[in-house]
Amino acid sequence: MTKASKELVIEHSLRLFKVQGYHNTSMADIGTACGLLKGSIYNYFSSKEALALAVIKFVHDYFKQYVFAHAYDETRSETERLANFIQAVEAYFTAESGGCLMGNLALEVGDTLPQFATRIRAYFDDWTAAIAHLLTPQYGLIQAKQMALTVVGNTQGAIMMMRLYQKPEFLHLANQSLADLLSQN
């Protein structure tokens, strides 16, 4: 299996974990989705847990590069950074079904698999920090951090509602409330 194939296993696993959950996805399911025998996957990942940790890292790295980075792009105005951030969030979560892998995993295994919880927390900490960075000039660091925690929680709730009702408007409304915070004062 080439590096591209390894990444393909991660991408297929991501989709399956999002839709079916970690515990309801077998290595055989992943193999079938990839067009591989289950045993082939073990040549690159020692266990389903190791594969899931690679998927978590993949998602976190993606968000650092393509979503959170917008908050720190000092070549753009605060308004542009926020608009780009919101657009990236909406594009990611409306592109496929299954909601938020990190939110789903936090609920499914966050209190039973500490090695997952640590990495999932790091993802949400980075998300919160990116939003706080956008809000700090207007609200100060302490208030911006508190507001960012609320925004991330609201966004996760909106993703859940969007998944349940199959309506992206929930996510759009949550993101609009973030935009409203930046336009206040």
N, C-alpha and C. Protein backbone atom coordinates (compact mmCIF):
# COMPACT_ATOMS: atom_id res chain seq x y z
N MET A 1 0.86 -1.18 0.00
CA MET A 1 0.00 0.00 0.00
C MET A 1 0.90 1.23 0.00
N THR A 2 0.66 2.12 -0.88
CA THR A 2 1.44 3.35 -0.97
C THR A 2 0.97 4.34 0.08
N LYS A 3 1.73 5.43 0.22
CA LYS A 3 1.32 6.48 1.14
C LYS A 3 -0.07 7.00 0.77
N ALA A 4 -0.31 7.13 -0.53
CA ALA A 4 -1.63 7.59 -0.99
C ALA A 4 -2.70 6.60 -0.56
N SER A 5 -2.40 5.31 -0.61
CA SER A 5 -3.37 4.30 -0.17
C SER A 5 -3.60 4.37 1.33
N LYS A 6 -2.53 4.63 2.08
CA LYS A 6 -2.66 4.78 3.53
C LYS A 6 -3.58 5.96 3.85
N GLU A 7 -3.39 7.05 3.13
CA GLU A 7 -4.26 8.22 3.32
C GLU A 7 -5.69 7.90 2.91
N LEU A 8 -5.84 7.06 1.89
CA LEU A 8 -7.18 6.64 1.47
C LEU A 8 -7.87 5.85 2.58
N VAL A 9 -7.12 4.98 3.26
CA VAL A 9 -7.67 4.23 4.40
C VAL A 9 -8.12 5.20 5.48
N ILE A 10 -7.31 6.21 5.75
CA ILE A 10 -7.66 7.21 6.76
C ILE A 10 -8.94 7.94 6.34
N GLU A 11 -9.01 8.36 5.09
CA GLU A 11 -10.19 9.10 4.62
C GLU A 11 -11.46 8.25 4.66
N HIS A 12 -11.36 6.99 4.24
CA HIS A 12 -12.54 6.10 4.31
C HIS A 12 -12.93 5.84 5.77
N SER A 13 -11.93 5.67 6.62
CA SER A 13 -12.20 5.44 8.04
C SER A 13 -12.89 6.66 8.65
N LEU A 14 -12.44 7.83 8.27
CA LEU A 14 -13.06 9.07 8.75
C LEU A 14 -14.55 9.08 8.43
N ARG A 15 -14.88 8.79 7.20
CA ARG A 15 -16.30 8.78 6.80
C ARG A 15 -17.09 7.74 7.60
N LEU A 16 -16.53 6.55 7.73
CA LEU A 16 -17.23 5.49 8.45
C LEU A 16 -17.37 5.82 9.93
N PHE A 17 -16.31 6.31 10.56
CA PHE A 17 -16.39 6.67 11.98
C PHE A 17 -17.41 7.78 12.21
N LYS A 18 -17.47 8.74 11.28
CA LYS A 18 -18.45 9.83 11.43
C LYS A 18 -19.88 9.31 11.37
N VAL A 19 -20.15 8.43 10.45
CA VAL A 19 -21.53 7.98 10.22
C VAL A 19 -21.92 6.83 11.14
N GLN A 20 -21.03 5.86 11.30
CA GLN A 20 -21.36 4.66 12.06
C GLN A 20 -20.89 4.69 13.51
N GLY A 21 -19.93 5.55 13.80
CA GLY A 21 -19.32 5.57 15.12
C GLY A 21 -18.09 4.68 15.16
N TYR A 22 -17.29 4.88 16.18
CA TYR A 22 -16.05 4.11 16.34
C TYR A 22 -16.36 2.64 16.62
N HIS A 23 -17.19 2.39 17.62
CA HIS A 23 -17.46 1.01 18.02
C HIS A 23 -18.25 0.23 16.97
N ASN A 24 -19.06 0.89 16.18
CA ASN A 24 -19.87 0.20 15.17
C ASN A 24 -19.16 0.04 13.83
N THR A 25 -17.93 0.49 13.74
CA THR A 25 -17.15 0.34 12.52
C THR A 25 -16.09 -0.73 12.74
N SER A 26 -16.12 -1.76 11.94
CA SER A 26 -15.13 -2.83 12.06
C SER A 26 -14.00 -2.60 11.05
N MET A 27 -12.89 -3.27 11.29
CA MET A 27 -11.80 -3.21 10.33
C MET A 27 -12.25 -3.83 9.00
N ALA A 28 -13.14 -4.80 9.05
CA ALA A 28 -13.68 -5.38 7.82
C ALA A 28 -14.49 -4.34 7.05
N ASP A 29 -15.27 -3.52 7.77
CA ASP A 29 -16.02 -2.43 7.11
C ASP A 29 -15.06 -1.48 6.40
N ILE A 30 -13.98 -1.16 7.08
CA ILE A 30 -13.00 -0.23 6.51
C ILE A 30 -12.33 -0.87 5.29
N GLY A 31 -11.96 -2.13 5.42
CA GLY A 31 -11.37 -2.84 4.29
C GLY A 31 -12.29 -2.86 3.08
N THR A 32 -13.56 -3.15 3.32
CA THR A 32 -14.54 -3.17 2.23
C THR A 32 -14.65 -1.80 1.57
N ALA A 33 -14.72 -0.75 2.38
CA ALA A 33 -14.83 0.61 1.84
C ALA A 33 -13.61 0.98 1.00
N CYS A 34 -12.45 0.44 1.37
CA CYS A 34 -11.21 0.75 0.67
C CYS A 34 -10.91 -0.21 -0.47
N GLY A 35 -11.68 -1.28 -0.56
CA GLY A 35 -11.39 -2.30 -1.56
C GLY A 35 -10.18 -3.14 -1.19
N LEU A 36 -9.96 -3.31 0.11
CA LEU A 36 -8.82 -4.08 0.62
C LEU A 36 -9.31 -5.20 1.53
N LEU A 37 -8.46 -6.18 1.72
CA LEU A 37 -8.74 -7.18 2.74
C LEU A 37 -8.45 -6.57 4.10
N LYS A 38 -9.21 -6.98 5.09
CA LYS A 38 -9.04 -6.45 6.44
C LYS A 38 -7.59 -6.57 6.89
N GLY A 39 -6.96 -7.70 6.61
CA GLY A 39 -5.58 -7.92 7.04
C GLY A 39 -4.59 -6.94 6.45
N SER A 40 -4.87 -6.42 5.27
CA SER A 40 -3.97 -5.46 4.63
C SER A 40 -3.85 -4.18 5.45
N ILE A 41 -4.91 -3.81 6.11
CA ILE A 41 -4.89 -2.57 6.91
C ILE A 41 -3.92 -2.70 8.07
N TYR A 42 -3.81 -3.91 8.63
CA TYR A 42 -2.92 -4.13 9.77
C TYR A 42 -1.45 -4.00 9.41
N ASN A 43 -1.11 -3.98 8.13
CA ASN A 43 0.27 -3.72 7.74
C ASN A 43 0.67 -2.28 8.02
N TYR A 44 -0.31 -1.40 8.15
CA TYR A 44 -0.03 0.03 8.34
C TYR A 44 -0.54 0.58 9.65
N PHE A 45 -1.50 -0.07 10.23
CA PHE A 45 -2.05 0.34 11.52
C PHE A 45 -2.14 -0.89 12.39
N SER A 46 -1.51 -0.85 13.55
CA SER A 46 -1.44 -2.03 14.40
C SER A 46 -2.78 -2.44 14.99
N SER A 47 -3.72 -1.50 15.00
CA SER A 47 -5.03 -1.78 15.59
C SER A 47 -6.04 -0.75 15.08
N LYS A 48 -7.29 -1.02 15.35
CA LYS A 48 -8.33 -0.04 15.01
C LYS A 48 -8.11 1.24 15.79
N GLU A 49 -7.65 1.11 17.02
CA GLU A 49 -7.36 2.28 17.84
C GLU A 49 -6.27 3.14 17.21
N ALA A 50 -5.20 2.49 16.73
CA ALA A 50 -4.11 3.24 16.08
C ALA A 50 -4.62 3.93 14.81
N LEU A 51 -5.48 3.26 14.07
CA LEU A 51 -6.07 3.87 12.88
C LEU A 51 -6.94 5.07 13.27
N ALA A 52 -7.75 4.91 14.30
CA ALA A 52 -8.62 6.02 14.74
C ALA A 52 -7.78 7.21 15.20
N LEU A 53 -6.67 6.95 15.88
CA LEU A 53 -5.80 8.05 16.31
C LEU A 53 -5.20 8.76 15.09
N ALA A 54 -4.88 8.00 14.05
CA ALA A 54 -4.38 8.62 12.80
C ALA A 54 -5.48 9.46 12.15
N VAL A 55 -6.71 8.99 12.21
CA VAL A 55 -7.84 9.75 11.67
C VAL A 55 -8.03 11.05 12.45
N ILE A 56 -7.96 10.96 13.77
CA ILE A 56 -8.09 12.16 14.61
C ILE A 56 -7.00 13.17 14.26
N LYS A 57 -5.77 12.69 14.12
CA LYS A 57 -4.66 13.58 13.74
C LYS A 57 -4.90 14.20 12.37
N PHE A 58 -5.38 13.40 11.43
CA PHE A 58 -5.67 13.87 10.08
C PHE A 58 -6.68 15.02 10.12
N VAL A 59 -7.76 14.84 10.86
CA VAL A 59 -8.79 15.88 10.96
C VAL A 59 -8.23 17.12 11.64
N HIS A 60 -7.51 16.93 12.73
CA HIS A 60 -6.95 18.07 13.45
C HIS A 60 -5.97 18.84 12.56
N ASP A 61 -5.11 18.13 11.87
CA ASP A 61 -4.16 18.80 10.97
C ASP A 61 -4.88 19.55 9.86
N TYR A 62 -5.94 18.95 9.33
CA TYR A 62 -6.73 19.62 8.30
C TYR A 62 -7.28 20.94 8.84
N PHE A 63 -7.87 20.90 10.02
CA PHE A 63 -8.46 22.11 10.59
C PHE A 63 -7.41 23.16 10.89
N LYS A 64 -6.25 22.75 11.38
CA LYS A 64 -5.18 23.72 11.63
C LYS A 64 -4.81 24.45 10.34
N GLN A 65 -4.69 23.69 9.26
CA GLN A 65 -4.22 24.27 8.00
C GLN A 65 -5.31 25.02 7.24
N TYR A 66 -6.52 24.50 7.21
CA TYR A 66 -7.54 25.04 6.32
C TYR A 66 -8.69 25.78 7.01
N VAL A 67 -8.77 25.71 8.32
CA VAL A 67 -9.85 26.41 9.02
C VAL A 67 -9.26 27.37 10.05
N PHE A 68 -8.59 26.84 11.05
CA PHE A 68 -8.08 27.68 12.13
C PHE A 68 -7.10 28.73 11.63
N ALA A 69 -6.34 28.41 10.60
CA ALA A 69 -5.34 29.34 10.06
C ALA A 69 -5.97 30.66 9.63
N HIS A 70 -7.22 30.64 9.21
CA HIS A 70 -7.88 31.88 8.79
C HIS A 70 -7.94 32.90 9.93
N ALA A 71 -8.09 32.43 11.15
CA ALA A 71 -8.18 33.34 12.29
C ALA A 71 -6.87 34.09 12.52
N TYR A 72 -5.77 33.52 12.09
CA TYR A 72 -4.45 34.09 12.36
C TYR A 72 -3.84 34.78 11.13
N ASP A 73 -4.57 34.88 10.07
CA ASP A 73 -4.07 35.48 8.83
C ASP A 73 -4.06 37.00 8.96
N GLU A 74 -2.95 37.53 9.43
CA GLU A 74 -2.85 38.96 9.73
C GLU A 74 -2.81 39.82 8.46
N THR A 75 -2.78 39.20 7.29
CA THR A 75 -2.84 39.98 6.05
C THR A 75 -4.28 40.38 5.73
N ARG A 76 -5.21 39.87 6.49
CA ARG A 76 -6.64 40.14 6.28
C ARG A 76 -7.20 40.93 7.46
N SER A 77 -8.27 41.64 7.22
CA SER A 77 -8.95 42.34 8.30
C SER A 77 -9.65 41.32 9.20
N GLU A 78 -10.04 41.74 10.39
CA GLU A 78 -10.77 40.83 11.29
C GLU A 78 -12.04 40.32 10.63
N THR A 79 -12.72 41.19 9.93
CA THR A 79 -13.96 40.80 9.26
C THR A 79 -13.70 39.75 8.18
N GLU A 80 -12.64 39.95 7.40
CA GLU A 80 -12.30 38.97 6.35
C GLU A 80 -11.86 37.64 6.96
N ARG A 81 -11.06 37.72 8.03
CA ARG A 81 -10.61 36.48 8.68
C ARG A 81 -11.80 35.70 9.21
N LEU A 82 -12.73 36.40 9.83
CA LEU A 82 -13.92 35.73 10.36
C LEU A 82 -14.75 35.14 9.23
N ALA A 83 -14.95 35.89 8.17
CA ALA A 83 -15.74 35.39 7.04
C ALA A 83 -15.09 34.14 6.43
N ASN A 84 -13.77 34.16 6.29
CA ASN A 84 -13.07 33.00 5.74
C ASN A 84 -13.15 31.80 6.68
N PHE A 85 -13.04 32.08 7.97
CA PHE A 85 -13.14 31.03 8.99
C PHE A 85 -14.52 30.38 8.93
N ILE A 86 -15.55 31.20 8.94
CA ILE A 86 -16.93 30.70 8.90
C ILE A 86 -17.18 29.92 7.61
N GLN A 87 -16.71 30.44 6.49
CA GLN A 87 -16.90 29.76 5.21
C GLN A 87 -16.23 28.38 5.24
N ALA A 88 -15.04 28.31 5.81
CA ALA A 88 -14.32 27.03 5.87
C ALA A 88 -15.06 26.03 6.77
N VAL A 89 -15.58 26.50 7.90
CA VAL A 89 -16.34 25.63 8.80
C VAL A 89 -17.58 25.10 8.09
N GLU A 90 -18.32 25.99 7.47
CA GLU A 90 -19.55 25.57 6.79
C GLU A 90 -19.25 24.63 5.62
N ALA A 91 -18.22 24.92 4.86
CA ALA A 91 -17.87 24.06 3.73
C ALA A 91 -17.52 22.66 4.21
N TYR A 92 -16.76 22.57 5.27
CA TYR A 92 -16.34 21.26 5.78
C TYR A 92 -17.54 20.45 6.29
N PHE A 93 -18.35 21.06 7.11
CA PHE A 93 -19.41 20.30 7.77
C PHE A 93 -20.65 20.08 6.91
N THR A 94 -20.79 20.82 5.83
CA THR A 94 -21.94 20.58 4.95
C THR A 94 -21.57 19.71 3.74
N ALA A 95 -20.30 19.40 3.58
CA ALA A 95 -19.85 18.63 2.41
C ALA A 95 -20.25 17.16 2.49
N GLU A 96 -20.31 16.61 3.69
CA GLU A 96 -20.61 15.19 3.87
C GLU A 96 -21.54 15.00 5.05
N SER A 97 -22.17 13.85 5.09
CA SER A 97 -23.02 13.52 6.23
C SER A 97 -22.16 13.03 7.39
N GLY A 98 -22.75 12.93 8.53
CA GLY A 98 -22.07 12.37 9.68
C GLY A 98 -21.73 13.36 10.76
N GLY A 99 -21.86 14.65 10.48
CA GLY A 99 -21.59 15.64 11.52
C GLY A 99 -20.11 15.85 11.74
N CYS A 100 -19.74 16.03 13.00
CA CYS A 100 -18.36 16.32 13.39
C CYS A 100 -17.75 15.06 14.01
N LEU A 101 -16.72 14.53 13.39
CA LEU A 101 -16.07 13.35 13.93
C LEU A 101 -15.63 13.58 15.37
N MET A 102 -15.01 14.71 15.63
CA MET A 102 -14.48 14.96 16.97
C MET A 102 -15.60 15.05 18.00
N GLY A 103 -16.69 15.72 17.65
CA GLY A 103 -17.83 15.78 18.56
C GLY A 103 -18.45 14.41 18.76
N ASN A 104 -18.58 13.66 17.67
CA ASN A 104 -19.15 12.31 17.77
C ASN A 104 -18.28 11.43 18.65
N LEU A 105 -16.96 11.46 18.43
CA LEU A 105 -16.06 10.63 19.23
C LEU A 105 -16.02 11.08 20.68
N ALA A 106 -16.09 12.39 20.91
CA ALA A 106 -16.09 12.88 22.29
C ALA A 106 -17.25 12.27 23.07
N LEU A 107 -18.40 12.19 22.43
CA LEU A 107 -19.57 11.62 23.08
C LEU A 107 -19.47 10.10 23.20
N GLU A 108 -18.94 9.46 22.18
CA GLU A 108 -18.91 7.99 22.16
C GLU A 108 -17.81 7.41 23.05
N VAL A 109 -16.62 7.96 23.00
CA VAL A 109 -15.49 7.34 23.70
C VAL A 109 -14.69 8.31 24.57
N GLY A 110 -15.14 9.54 24.67
CA GLY A 110 -14.38 10.56 25.40
C GLY A 110 -14.08 10.22 26.84
N ASP A 111 -14.96 9.47 27.47
CA ASP A 111 -14.72 9.13 28.88
C ASP A 111 -14.25 7.69 29.07
N THR A 112 -14.05 6.96 27.98
CA THR A 112 -13.59 5.57 28.10
C THR A 112 -12.24 5.31 27.44
N LEU A 113 -11.85 6.15 26.51
CA LEU A 113 -10.55 6.00 25.85
C LEU A 113 -9.76 7.30 26.02
N PRO A 114 -9.01 7.40 27.12
CA PRO A 114 -8.32 8.66 27.42
C PRO A 114 -7.34 9.11 26.34
N GLN A 115 -6.74 8.17 25.60
CA GLN A 115 -5.82 8.55 24.54
C GLN A 115 -6.55 9.28 23.41
N PHE A 116 -7.83 8.99 23.22
CA PHE A 116 -8.64 9.72 22.26
C PHE A 116 -9.01 11.09 22.84
N ALA A 117 -9.46 11.07 24.09
CA ALA A 117 -9.95 12.30 24.72
C ALA A 117 -8.89 13.40 24.71
N THR A 118 -7.65 13.04 24.98
CA THR A 118 -6.56 14.02 24.99
C THR A 118 -6.43 14.72 23.64
N ARG A 119 -6.48 13.95 22.59
CA ARG A 119 -6.33 14.51 21.24
C ARG A 119 -7.57 15.28 20.79
N ILE A 120 -8.73 14.81 21.19
CA ILE A 120 -9.97 15.51 20.86
C ILE A 120 -10.01 16.86 21.58
N ARG A 121 -9.59 16.87 22.85
CA ARG A 121 -9.53 18.13 23.59
C ARG A 121 -8.58 19.11 22.91
N ALA A 122 -7.45 18.62 22.42
CA ALA A 122 -6.49 19.50 21.75
C ALA A 122 -7.13 20.16 20.53
N TYR A 123 -7.92 19.40 19.79
CA TYR A 123 -8.64 19.93 18.63
C TYR A 123 -9.59 21.05 19.06
N PHE A 124 -10.41 20.78 20.07
CA PHE A 124 -11.36 21.80 20.53
C PHE A 124 -10.65 22.98 21.18
N ASP A 125 -9.52 22.74 21.84
CA ASP A 125 -8.73 23.85 22.40
C ASP A 125 -8.22 24.75 21.28
N ASP A 126 -7.76 24.15 20.19
CA ASP A 126 -7.28 24.95 19.06
C ASP A 126 -8.41 25.72 18.40
N TRP A 127 -9.58 25.11 18.31
CA TRP A 127 -10.75 25.79 17.74
C TRP A 127 -11.12 26.99 18.62
N THR A 128 -11.16 26.75 19.91
CA THR A 128 -11.50 27.82 20.86
C THR A 128 -10.46 28.94 20.79
N ALA A 129 -9.19 28.58 20.72
CA ALA A 129 -8.12 29.59 20.65
C ALA A 129 -8.24 30.43 19.38
N ALA A 130 -8.59 29.80 18.27
CA ALA A 130 -8.73 30.55 17.01
C ALA A 130 -9.85 31.58 17.11
N ILE A 131 -10.96 31.18 17.67
CA ILE A 131 -12.08 32.12 17.82
C ILE A 131 -11.72 33.21 18.83
N ALA A 132 -11.09 32.82 19.93
CA ALA A 132 -10.68 33.82 20.92
C ALA A 132 -9.72 34.83 20.30
N HIS A 133 -8.85 34.36 19.43
CA HIS A 133 -7.92 35.27 18.75
C HIS A 133 -8.68 36.31 17.92
N LEU A 134 -9.75 35.88 17.27
CA LEU A 134 -10.56 36.81 16.48
C LEU A 134 -11.29 37.82 17.37
N LEU A 135 -11.71 37.38 18.54
CA LEU A 135 -12.53 38.23 19.41
C LEU A 135 -11.72 39.08 20.39
N THR A 136 -10.46 38.72 20.64
CA THR A 136 -9.66 39.41 21.65
C THR A 136 -9.51 40.91 21.40
N PRO A 137 -9.25 41.38 20.18
CA PRO A 137 -9.10 42.83 20.00
C PRO A 137 -10.33 43.62 20.45
N GLN A 138 -11.48 43.02 20.32
CA GLN A 138 -12.71 43.73 20.65
C GLN A 138 -13.15 43.52 22.10
N TYR A 139 -12.86 42.35 22.66
CA TYR A 139 -13.42 42.00 23.98
C TYR A 139 -12.37 41.78 25.06
N GLY A 140 -11.10 41.75 24.72
CA GLY A 140 -10.07 41.41 25.68
C GLY A 140 -9.95 39.89 25.81
N LEU A 141 -8.78 39.43 26.25
CA LEU A 141 -8.48 38.00 26.23
C LEU A 141 -9.41 37.17 27.10
N ILE A 142 -9.67 37.59 28.32
CA ILE A 142 -10.48 36.77 29.23
C ILE A 142 -11.90 36.60 28.70
N GLN A 143 -12.54 37.70 28.34
CA GLN A 143 -13.91 37.61 27.82
C GLN A 143 -13.93 36.88 26.48
N ALA A 144 -12.93 37.10 25.64
CA ALA A 144 -12.87 36.43 24.33
C ALA A 144 -12.78 34.92 24.50
N LYS A 145 -11.98 34.45 25.46
CA LYS A 145 -11.87 33.00 25.71
C LYS A 145 -13.20 32.42 26.16
N GLN A 146 -13.89 33.13 27.05
CA GLN A 146 -15.20 32.65 27.52
C GLN A 146 -16.20 32.62 26.37
N MET A 147 -16.21 33.65 25.58
CA MET A 147 -17.12 33.71 24.44
C MET A 147 -16.79 32.60 23.43
N ALA A 148 -15.51 32.35 23.21
CA ALA A 148 -15.09 31.33 22.26
C ALA A 148 -15.56 29.94 22.70
N LEU A 149 -15.50 29.65 23.99
CA LEU A 149 -16.00 28.37 24.49
C LEU A 149 -17.49 28.22 24.18
N THR A 150 -18.23 29.28 24.37
CA THR A 150 -19.67 29.26 24.08
C THR A 150 -19.91 29.07 22.58
N VAL A 151 -19.14 29.76 21.77
CA VAL A 151 -19.29 29.65 20.31
C VAL A 151 -19.02 28.22 19.84
N VAL A 152 -17.95 27.61 20.34
CA VAL A 152 -17.64 26.24 19.94
C VAL A 152 -18.75 25.29 20.39
N GLY A 153 -19.24 25.47 21.61
CA GLY A 153 -20.36 24.65 22.08
C GLY A 153 -21.61 24.85 21.23
N ASN A 154 -21.91 26.09 20.90
CA ASN A 154 -23.07 26.37 20.04
C ASN A 154 -22.89 25.76 18.65
N THR A 155 -21.69 25.84 18.12
CA THR A 155 -21.42 25.27 16.80
C THR A 155 -21.59 23.76 16.82
N GLN A 156 -21.08 23.11 17.86
CA GLN A 156 -21.25 21.66 17.96
C GLN A 156 -22.73 21.28 18.07
N GLY A 157 -23.47 22.04 18.84
CA GLY A 157 -24.92 21.80 18.92
C GLY A 157 -25.59 22.00 17.58
N ALA A 158 -25.17 23.01 16.85
CA ALA A 158 -25.74 23.27 15.53
C ALA A 158 -25.40 22.15 14.55
N ILE A 159 -24.19 21.62 14.65
CA ILE A 159 -23.81 20.50 13.78
C ILE A 159 -24.68 19.28 14.08
N MET A 160 -24.93 19.05 15.36
CA MET A 160 -25.80 17.94 15.75
C MET A 160 -27.21 18.14 15.20
N MET A 161 -27.75 19.34 15.35
CA MET A 161 -29.10 19.64 14.85
C MET A 161 -29.14 19.55 13.32
N MET A 162 -28.09 20.03 12.67
CA MET A 162 -28.01 19.95 11.21
C MET A 162 -28.04 18.49 10.78
N ARG A 163 -27.32 17.65 11.49
CA ARG A 163 -27.29 16.22 11.17
C ARG A 163 -28.65 15.59 11.41
N LEU A 164 -29.27 15.91 12.52
CA LEU A 164 -30.56 15.32 12.87
C LEU A 164 -31.66 15.73 11.90
N TYR A 165 -31.73 17.01 11.58
CA TYR A 165 -32.79 17.53 10.72
C TYR A 165 -32.42 17.60 9.24
N GLN A 166 -31.15 17.33 8.93
CA GLN A 166 -30.67 17.42 7.55
C GLN A 166 -30.88 18.83 6.98
N LYS A 167 -30.62 19.83 7.81
CA LYS A 167 -30.79 21.22 7.39
C LYS A 167 -29.54 22.02 7.77
N PRO A 168 -28.78 22.50 6.79
CA PRO A 168 -27.57 23.26 7.08
C PRO A 168 -27.84 24.63 7.71
N GLU A 169 -29.10 25.05 7.72
CA GLU A 169 -29.41 26.36 8.30
C GLU A 169 -28.99 26.44 9.77
N PHE A 170 -29.02 25.32 10.49
CA PHE A 170 -28.62 25.34 11.90
C PHE A 170 -27.18 25.82 12.05
N LEU A 171 -26.30 25.30 11.21
CA LEU A 171 -24.90 25.69 11.27
C LEU A 171 -24.73 27.14 10.84
N HIS A 172 -25.45 27.53 9.81
CA HIS A 172 -25.37 28.91 9.35
C HIS A 172 -25.80 29.89 10.45
N LEU A 173 -26.87 29.56 11.16
CA LEU A 173 -27.33 30.43 12.25
C LEU A 173 -26.31 30.53 13.37
N ALA A 174 -25.69 29.41 13.72
CA ALA A 174 -24.66 29.44 14.76
C ALA A 174 -23.48 30.29 14.32
N ASN A 175 -23.09 30.16 13.07
CA ASN A 175 -21.98 30.97 12.56
C ASN A 175 -22.36 32.44 12.47
N GLN A 176 -23.61 32.72 12.19
CA GLN A 176 -24.06 34.11 12.15
C GLN A 176 -23.95 34.74 13.53
N SER A 177 -24.22 33.97 14.56
CA SER A 177 -24.10 34.52 15.92
C SER A 177 -22.64 34.87 16.23
N LEU A 178 -21.70 34.10 15.69
CA LEU A 178 -20.28 34.45 15.84
C LEU A 178 -19.98 35.75 15.10
N ALA A 179 -20.47 35.88 13.89
CA ALA A 179 -20.26 37.11 13.12
C ALA A 179 -20.86 38.31 13.85
N ASP A 180 -22.01 38.10 14.47
CA ASP A 180 -22.66 39.18 15.22
C ASP A 180 -21.80 39.64 16.39
N LEU A 181 -21.09 38.73 17.04
CA LEU A 181 -20.21 39.11 18.15
C LEU A 181 -19.13 40.06 17.69
N LEU A 182 -18.60 39.82 16.51
CA LEU A 182 -17.53 40.67 16.01
C LEU A 182 -18.04 42.02 15.56
N SER A 183 -19.31 42.08 15.18
CA SER A 183 -19.86 43.35 14.70
C SER A 183 -20.43 44.20 15.84
N GLN A 184 -20.50 43.65 17.05
CA GLN A 184 -21.02 44.41 18.19
C GLN A 184 -19.97 45.37 18.72
N ASN A 185 -20.43 46.27 19.57
CA ASN A 185 -19.61 47.31 20.24
C ASN A 185 -19.43 48.47 19.34
